[in-house]
């Protein structure tokens, strides 16, 4: 499942870093914290490895 926006990709990267023990879980905020709790390391890796080129910074609501 590829990321829909750069922000989603960055949040997944932060959550993945915490899952792997590189970052403290207490440093996570917002979307990255909920991703950490609800997604597996494999799912986070798939989102975080998405290419950023051509992705909007934030997904539009439309």
C-alpha atoms as a PDB file:
ATOM      1  CA  UNK A   1       0.000   0.000   0.000  1.00  0.00           C
ATOM      2  CA  UNK A   2       1.836   3.130  -1.161  1.00  0.00           C
ATOM      3  CA  UNK A   3       1.607   6.409   0.738  1.00  0.00           C
ATOM      4  CA  UNK A   4      -0.868   8.963  -0.613  1.00  0.00           C
ATOM      5  CA  UNK A   5       1.142  12.005   0.460  1.00  0.00           C
ATOM      6  CA  UNK A   6       4.572  13.066   1.649  1.00  0.00           C
ATOM      7  CA  UNK A   7       3.200  13.708   5.131  1.00  0.00           C
ATOM      8  CA  UNK A   8       1.859  10.138   5.361  1.00  0.00           C
ATOM      9  CA  UNK A   9       5.202   8.766   4.178  1.00  0.00           C
ATOM     10  CA  UNK A  10       7.108  10.814   6.759  1.00  0.00           C
ATOM     11  CA  UNK A  11       4.786   9.713   9.584  1.00  0.00           C
ATOM     12  CA  UNK A  12       5.221   6.076   8.581  1.00  0.00           C
ATOM     13  CA  UNK A  13       9.000   6.550   8.607  1.00  0.00           C
ATOM     14  CA  UNK A  14       8.903   7.958  12.123  1.00  0.00           C
ATOM     15  CA  UNK A  15       6.691   5.100  13.356  1.00  0.00           C
ATOM     16  CA  UNK A  16       8.952   2.545  11.664  1.00  0.00           C
ATOM     17  CA  UNK A  17      11.988   4.065  13.357  1.00  0.00           C
ATOM     18  CA  UNK A  18      10.278   3.636  16.728  1.00  0.00           C
ATOM     19  CA  UNK A  19       9.264   0.038  15.922  1.00  0.00           C
ATOM     20  CA  UNK A  20      12.888  -0.769  15.150  1.00  0.00           C
ATOM     21  CA  UNK A  21      14.067   0.877  18.368  1.00  0.00           C
ATOM     22  CA  UNK A  22      15.968   3.734  16.711  1.00  0.00           C
ATOM     23  CA  UNK A  23      13.612   6.393  18.126  1.00  0.00           C
ATOM     24  CA  UNK A  24      11.839   6.542  21.475  1.00  0.00           C
ATOM     25  CA  UNK A  25       8.094   5.896  21.299  1.00  0.00           C
ATOM     26  CA  UNK A  26       7.514   8.889  23.577  1.00  0.00           C
ATOM     27  CA  UNK A  27       8.815  11.193  20.841  1.00  0.00           C
ATOM     28  CA  UNK A  28       6.038  10.190  18.430  1.00  0.00           C
ATOM     29  CA  UNK A  29       3.063  12.510  17.945  1.00  0.00           C
ATOM     30  CA  UNK A  30      -0.209  12.421  16.057  1.00  0.00           C
ATOM     31  CA  UNK A  31      -0.407  10.151  13.024  1.00  0.00           C
ATOM     32  CA  UNK A  32       2.959   8.500  13.615  1.00  0.00           C
ATOM     33  CA  UNK A  33       1.894   7.477  17.129  1.00  0.00           C
ATOM     34  CA  UNK A  34      -1.341   5.882  15.911  1.00  0.00           C
ATOM     35  CA  UNK A  35       0.511   4.176  13.032  1.00  0.00           C
ATOM     36  CA  UNK A  36       3.010   2.764  15.544  1.00  0.00           C
ATOM     37  CA  UNK A  37       0.190   1.233  17.574  1.00  0.00           C
ATOM     38  CA  UNK A  38      -1.963  -0.087  14.723  1.00  0.00           C
ATOM     39  CA  UNK A  39       0.421  -1.225  11.976  1.00  0.00           C
ATOM     40  CA  UNK A  40       3.024  -3.961  11.626  1.00  0.00           C
ATOM     41  CA  UNK A  41       6.656  -3.257  10.806  1.00  0.00           C
ATOM     42  CA  UNK A  42       6.108  -4.666   7.298  1.00  0.00           C
ATOM     43  CA  UNK A  43       3.143  -2.339   6.638  1.00  0.00           C
ATOM     44  CA  UNK A  44       5.094   0.655   7.915  1.00  0.00           C
ATOM     45  CA  UNK A  45       8.059  -0.286   5.741  1.00  0.00           C
ATOM     46  CA  UNK A  46       5.829  -0.373   2.651  1.00  0.00           C
ATOM     47  CA  UNK A  47       4.441   3.096   3.401  1.00  0.00           C
ATOM     48  CA  UNK A  48       7.796   4.603   4.338  1.00  0.00           C
ATOM     49  CA  UNK A  49       9.563   3.275   1.244  1.00  0.00           C
ATOM     50  CA  UNK A  50       7.145   5.016  -1.145  1.00  0.00           C
ATOM     51  CA  UNK A  51       8.823   7.454  -3.518  1.00  0.00           C
ATOM     52  CA  UNK A  52       8.030  11.099  -2.675  1.00  0.00           C
ATOM     53  CA  UNK A  53       8.378  12.461  -6.202  1.00  0.00           C
ATOM     54  CA  UNK A  54       5.000  13.593  -7.513  1.00  0.00           C
ATOM     55  CA  UNK A  55       3.236  13.194  -4.170  1.00  0.00           C
ATOM     56  CA  UNK A  56       1.426  16.164  -2.649  1.00  0.00           C
ATOM     57  CA  UNK A  57       2.667  17.387   0.740  1.00  0.00           C
ATOM     58  CA  UNK A  58      -0.800  16.668   2.185  1.00  0.00           C
ATOM     59  CA  UNK A  59      -3.638  14.658   0.690  1.00  0.00           C
ATOM     60  CA  UNK A  60      -6.570  16.821  -0.409  1.00  0.00           C
ATOM     61  CA  UNK A  61     -10.050  16.017   0.901  1.00  0.00           C
ATOM     62  CA  UNK A  62     -11.622  15.750  -2.540  1.00  0.00           C
END
